[in-house]
Protein backbone atom coordinates (compact mmCIF):
# COMPACT_ATOMS: atom_id res chain seq x y z
CA MET A 1 19.21 119.07 91.32
CA GLY A 2 19.06 122.27 89.51
CA LEU A 3 21.43 125.09 88.90
CA SER A 4 19.92 126.86 91.95
CA GLY A 5 19.99 123.44 93.91
CA VAL A 6 24.31 123.61 93.04
CA LEU A 7 24.31 127.15 94.42
CA GLU A 8 22.76 125.79 97.83
CA ALA A 9 24.96 122.90 98.18
CA ILE A 10 27.80 125.30 97.57
CA ILE A 11 26.43 127.84 100.21
CA GLY A 12 26.15 125.08 102.92
CA LEU A 13 29.28 123.50 101.98
CA VAL A 14 30.86 126.90 102.21
CA PHE A 15 28.79 128.33 105.49
CA ILE A 16 29.87 124.73 107.48
CA TYR A 17 33.68 124.83 107.07
CA PHE A 18 33.16 129.08 107.70
CA LEU A 19 31.29 127.85 110.92
CA ILE A 20 34.10 125.41 111.96
CA SER A 21 37.03 127.63 111.26
CA VAL A 22 35.03 130.40 113.58
CA LEU A 23 35.02 127.79 116.28
CA CYS A 24 38.57 126.56 116.15
CA SER A 25 39.71 130.46 116.07
CA GLY A 26 37.41 130.41 119.49
CA VAL A 27 38.76 127.24 120.83
CA ASN A 28 42.20 128.50 120.16
CA GLU A 29 41.85 131.71 121.79
CA ALA A 30 40.23 130.12 124.77
CA ILE A 31 43.23 127.68 125.27
CA ALA A 32 45.90 130.91 124.40
CA GLN A 33 44.26 133.07 127.41
CA GLU A 34 44.19 130.15 129.72
CA MET A 35 47.83 129.73 128.87
CA GLY A 36 48.65 133.17 128.70
CA ARG A 37 50.25 133.12 125.39
CA ARG A 38 49.72 136.50 124.28
CA GLY A 39 51.39 137.82 127.45
CA GLN A 40 54.82 135.00 127.14
CA PHE A 41 55.12 136.24 123.52
CA LEU A 42 55.19 140.47 124.76
CA ARG A 43 57.52 139.07 127.86
CA GLU A 44 60.20 137.82 125.10
CA GLY A 45 59.35 141.03 123.26
CA LEU A 46 60.20 143.19 125.85
CA ILE A 47 63.46 141.39 127.00
CA ASN A 48 64.84 141.62 123.35
CA ILE A 49 63.99 145.08 123.52
CA VAL A 50 65.94 145.78 127.16
CA ARG A 51 68.48 142.57 126.81
CA ASP A 52 69.71 143.15 130.25
CA ARG A 53 68.02 141.52 133.25
CA TRP A 54 68.58 143.43 135.67
CA LEU A 55 67.10 146.51 133.43
CA PHE A 56 63.98 143.86 132.60
CA LEU A 57 63.13 143.45 136.13
CA ARG A 58 63.19 146.94 137.31
CA VAL A 59 60.94 148.14 134.07
CA ILE A 60 58.23 145.19 134.97
CA ASN A 61 58.38 145.90 138.41
CA HIS A 62 57.75 150.13 137.95
CA PRO A 63 54.45 150.80 138.87
CA LEU A 64 53.74 152.25 134.97
CA VAL A 65 54.19 148.68 133.84
CA SER A 66 53.09 146.14 137.32
CA SER A 67 50.15 148.23 137.35
CA MET A 68 49.30 146.41 133.90
CA TYR A 69 49.70 143.08 136.05
CA ARG A 70 46.79 141.28 137.20
CA ASP A 71 48.54 138.93 139.79
CA VAL A 72 51.85 139.39 140.77
CA PRO A 73 54.71 141.22 138.29
CA GLY A 74 57.21 139.75 136.96
CA LYS A 75 55.22 136.59 137.42
CA PRO A 76 54.54 134.20 133.79
CA ARG A 77 51.07 135.72 133.93
CA THR A 78 52.35 138.90 132.00
CA PRO A 79 49.74 141.17 130.72
CA SER A 80 49.13 140.96 126.89
CA TYR A 81 49.63 144.70 126.32
CA ILE A 82 51.32 147.57 128.06
CA PRO A 83 50.80 150.88 126.60
CA PRO A 84 53.49 153.08 124.78
CA SER A 85 53.98 155.46 127.15
CA ASN A 86 53.94 153.82 130.15
CA LEU A 87 56.53 151.51 129.23
CA VAL A 88 58.85 154.39 128.20
CA ASN A 89 58.67 156.36 131.21
CA ALA A 90 59.13 153.55 132.96
CA LEU A 91 62.44 152.69 130.63
CA LEU A 92 63.62 156.36 131.30
CA ASP A 93 62.52 156.18 134.84
CA ILE A 94 65.29 153.10 135.33
CA VAL A 95 68.05 153.93 133.26
CA VAL A 96 68.26 157.59 134.72
CA LEU A 97 68.31 155.07 138.47
CA LYS A 98 71.10 152.58 136.74
CA ALA A 99 73.04 156.25 135.81
CA ARG A 100 72.91 157.27 139.19
CA GLN A 101 74.31 153.68 141.12
CA ILE A 102 76.69 153.87 138.22
CA ASP A 103 78.01 157.71 139.21
CA PRO A 104 76.35 158.95 142.17
CA ALA A 105 77.75 162.78 141.11
CA LEU A 106 74.44 161.92 138.51
CA ALA A 107 72.15 161.94 140.87
CA GLY A 108 69.16 164.88 141.09
CA THR A 109 67.39 166.94 144.02
CA ALA A 110 64.46 164.91 144.87
CA ASN A 111 61.66 164.82 143.09
CA GLN A 112 62.76 166.89 140.20
CA THR A 113 61.19 166.70 137.05
CA LEU A 114 63.48 164.57 134.42
CA THR A 115 65.15 166.66 131.93
CA PHE A 116 66.85 165.73 128.26
CA ASP A 117 69.92 166.67 129.44
CA GLN A 118 69.84 164.52 132.29
CA VAL A 119 68.00 161.42 130.37
CA ARG A 120 70.72 161.65 127.71
CA ALA A 121 73.72 161.87 130.23
CA ALA A 122 72.18 158.82 131.86
CA THR A 123 72.15 157.02 128.67
CA LEU A 124 75.97 157.70 128.05
CA LYS A 125 76.69 156.32 131.74
CA CYS A 126 74.33 153.24 130.91
CA LYS A 127 76.02 152.49 127.36
CA GLU A 128 79.67 152.77 129.18
CA GLY A 129 78.64 149.97 131.50
CA GLY A 130 77.53 148.16 128.63
CA TYR A 131 73.72 147.74 128.87
CA GLN A 132 73.03 147.34 125.69
CA VAL A 133 69.59 148.96 125.33
CA ALA A 134 71.89 152.34 125.57
CA ASP A 135 72.98 151.88 121.91
CA ALA A 136 69.23 151.95 120.74
CA ILE A 137 67.99 154.60 122.56
CA LEU A 138 70.84 157.21 122.24
CA PRO A 139 70.37 157.72 118.36
CA LEU A 140 66.72 158.17 119.48
CA LEU A 141 67.14 161.13 121.50
CA ASP A 142 69.42 163.06 119.62
CA ALA A 143 66.84 162.39 117.43
CA ALA A 144 64.86 164.68 119.33
CA GLN A 145 67.36 167.45 119.18
CA GLY A 146 67.09 168.38 123.04
CA ASN A 147 63.53 167.71 123.42
CA LEU A 148 62.22 165.48 125.78
CA ASP A 149 58.53 165.34 124.44
CA VAL A 150 59.97 164.59 121.11
CA ALA A 151 62.44 162.14 122.53
CA ARG A 152 59.49 159.89 124.21
CA LYS A 153 57.59 160.04 120.96
CA ASN A 154 60.45 158.13 119.39
CA LEU A 155 61.00 155.69 121.77
CA GLU A 156 57.20 155.33 122.12
CA ALA A 157 57.43 154.02 117.90
CA TRP A 158 60.59 152.52 118.50
CA TYR A 159 58.68 150.15 121.18
CA SER A 160 55.87 149.92 119.09
CA SER A 161 57.42 148.68 115.71
CA GLY A 162 58.97 145.86 118.39
CA MET A 163 55.72 144.98 119.50
CA GLU A 164 54.52 144.74 115.39
CA ARG A 165 57.56 141.98 115.44
CA VAL A 166 56.09 140.19 118.79
CA ALA A 167 53.15 140.58 117.17
CA GLY A 168 54.28 138.72 113.76
CA TRP A 169 55.80 135.68 115.92
CA TYR A 170 51.81 135.92 117.76
CA LYS A 171 50.57 134.83 114.32
CA MET A 172 53.10 132.54 113.36
CA HIS A 173 52.20 130.63 116.34
CA THR A 174 49.01 130.63 116.07
CA ARG A 175 48.65 129.32 112.45
CA ARG A 176 50.57 126.18 113.34
CA ALA A 177 48.08 125.94 116.99
CA LEU A 178 45.15 126.49 114.37
CA LEU A 179 45.94 123.76 112.38
CA VAL A 180 46.63 121.18 115.53
CA VAL A 181 43.48 122.31 117.05
CA GLY A 182 41.41 122.20 113.34
CA LEU A 183 42.18 118.36 112.82
CA LEU A 184 40.88 117.87 117.13
CA VAL A 185 37.75 119.88 115.71
CA ALA A 186 37.54 118.20 112.30
CA VAL A 187 37.68 114.59 114.22
CA VAL A 188 35.09 115.64 117.02
CA PHE A 189 32.72 116.62 114.85
CA ASN A 190 33.19 113.66 112.04
CA VAL A 191 33.67 116.45 109.07
CA ASP A 192 33.80 114.63 106.31
CA THR A 193 33.51 116.36 103.08
CA LEU A 194 32.50 114.37 100.46
CA ALA A 195 29.66 113.05 103.40
CA ILE A 196 28.47 116.20 103.66
CA VAL A 197 28.49 117.24 99.33
CA THR A 198 26.98 113.93 99.30
CA GLN A 199 23.90 114.33 101.89
CA LEU A 200 23.86 118.20 100.71
CA SER A 201 22.81 116.87 97.04
CA ARG A 202 20.47 114.41 98.13
CA SER A 203 18.32 116.38 100.77
CA ALA A 204 16.84 119.99 99.21
CA GLU A 205 15.42 120.84 102.48
CA LEU A 206 19.09 120.56 104.33
CA ARG A 207 20.83 123.00 101.59
CA LYS A 208 17.44 125.48 101.71
CA SER A 209 18.05 125.22 105.77
CA LEU A 210 22.00 125.94 105.56
CA ALA A 211 21.54 128.49 102.78
CA ASP A 212 18.97 130.82 105.13
CA ALA A 213 20.96 130.09 107.86
CA ALA A 214 23.92 131.59 106.09
CA THR A 215 21.77 134.54 104.63
CA GLN A 216 20.86 135.83 108.42
CA VAL A 217 24.46 135.47 109.82
CA VAL A 218 25.70 137.65 106.73
CA GLU A 219 22.55 140.04 108.49
CA THR A 220 22.24 139.83 111.83
CA LYS A 221 25.89 138.47 112.37
CA ARG A 222 24.73 136.02 114.55
CA PHE A 223 24.87 132.40 114.84
CA GLY A 224 22.88 130.25 117.16
CA GLY A 225 22.25 133.28 119.39
CA VAL A 226 25.83 134.18 119.62
CA GLU A 227 27.71 137.19 118.51
CA LEU A 228 30.32 137.12 115.68
CA LYS A 229 32.90 139.77 116.46
CA THR A 230 35.04 141.41 113.54
CA GLY A 231 38.23 142.79 114.57
CA GLU A 232 41.67 142.12 113.45
CA GLY A 233 40.69 141.30 109.69
CA ASP A 234 38.74 138.11 111.62
CA ILE A 235 35.84 136.91 113.31
CA LYS A 236 35.62 135.64 116.40
CA ILE A 237 32.99 134.84 119.41
CA ALA A 238 33.24 135.57 123.11
CA GLN A 239 34.59 132.54 125.31
CA ASP A 240 31.18 132.05 127.28
CA ASP A 241 29.63 131.45 124.21
CA LEU A 242 32.18 128.43 123.00
CA LYS A 243 29.82 125.51 123.68
CA LYS A 244 26.46 127.46 122.21
CA PHE A 245 28.06 127.50 119.11
CA ALA A 246 29.81 123.93 118.75
CA LEU A 247 25.78 123.02 119.76
CA GLY A 248 24.69 124.91 117.34
CA ILE A 249 26.48 123.58 114.45
CA ALA A 250 25.78 120.01 116.08
CA ALA A 251 22.05 120.55 115.85
CA TYR A 252 22.03 120.38 111.81
CA GLU A 253 23.16 116.40 112.56
CA LYS A 254 19.46 116.28 113.42
CA GLN A 255 18.64 117.98 109.61
CA GLY A 256 20.72 115.07 108.31
CA LEU A 257 23.89 116.75 107.95
CA PRO A 258 26.74 114.01 108.40
CA VAL A 259 28.71 115.55 111.59
CA GLY A 260 29.16 113.79 115.13
CA PHE A 261 29.53 110.12 115.64
CA SER A 262 26.00 109.11 114.96
CA CYS A 263 25.86 109.55 111.34
């Protein structure tokens, strides 16, 4: 095996593990969606932001937020994403509502548009009532210098930073889950690096087939008729294409690639 054969063998090995990693990512994402993992982490993040259970329940049942739910609001199947503007406007409405329950003197007229002074007064009243979220909201209101639109932008940035933290939690969880999924996929496909390298060193036809397939994937962003999508630094496949993608990998067994239990 000459230098070109060695390069083809290396490309083939890297390509096989690339396919396996994409499959693992797809399987993990399918499990996460089925179990509603993203929604679970979002729910934890919202609880950390709002702190008080009464406020949290009112926020997720607010029309601006409840419309994000596929099923009944507040149930475990929390949406995986809530736009910052929806969350902030809902939170301000609920803070004002709570303040008016504490002090009826703060009640305004029906259908009255909220003003900055009303929102700040309501937040102060909630702070007096021991609601921790008010401690976070007040400095952001004061930084807006009386402009409610600016205050909303400040609060949206605050919420987004909290969601970035949640995204970090989710990524850490995903790494651990991928380790387990990777081990399972390796067992299912009977992946053995030494056996693969040995077969690649022996079969010029297999080396060329894998090298050509790798080139085609780079050029077309497709493998086995399945589109490879890039996003957030990852390469993903649609859940409906998981079986087709896995069969595409297994098809190399007929060309002598030692994957599966018949090898």
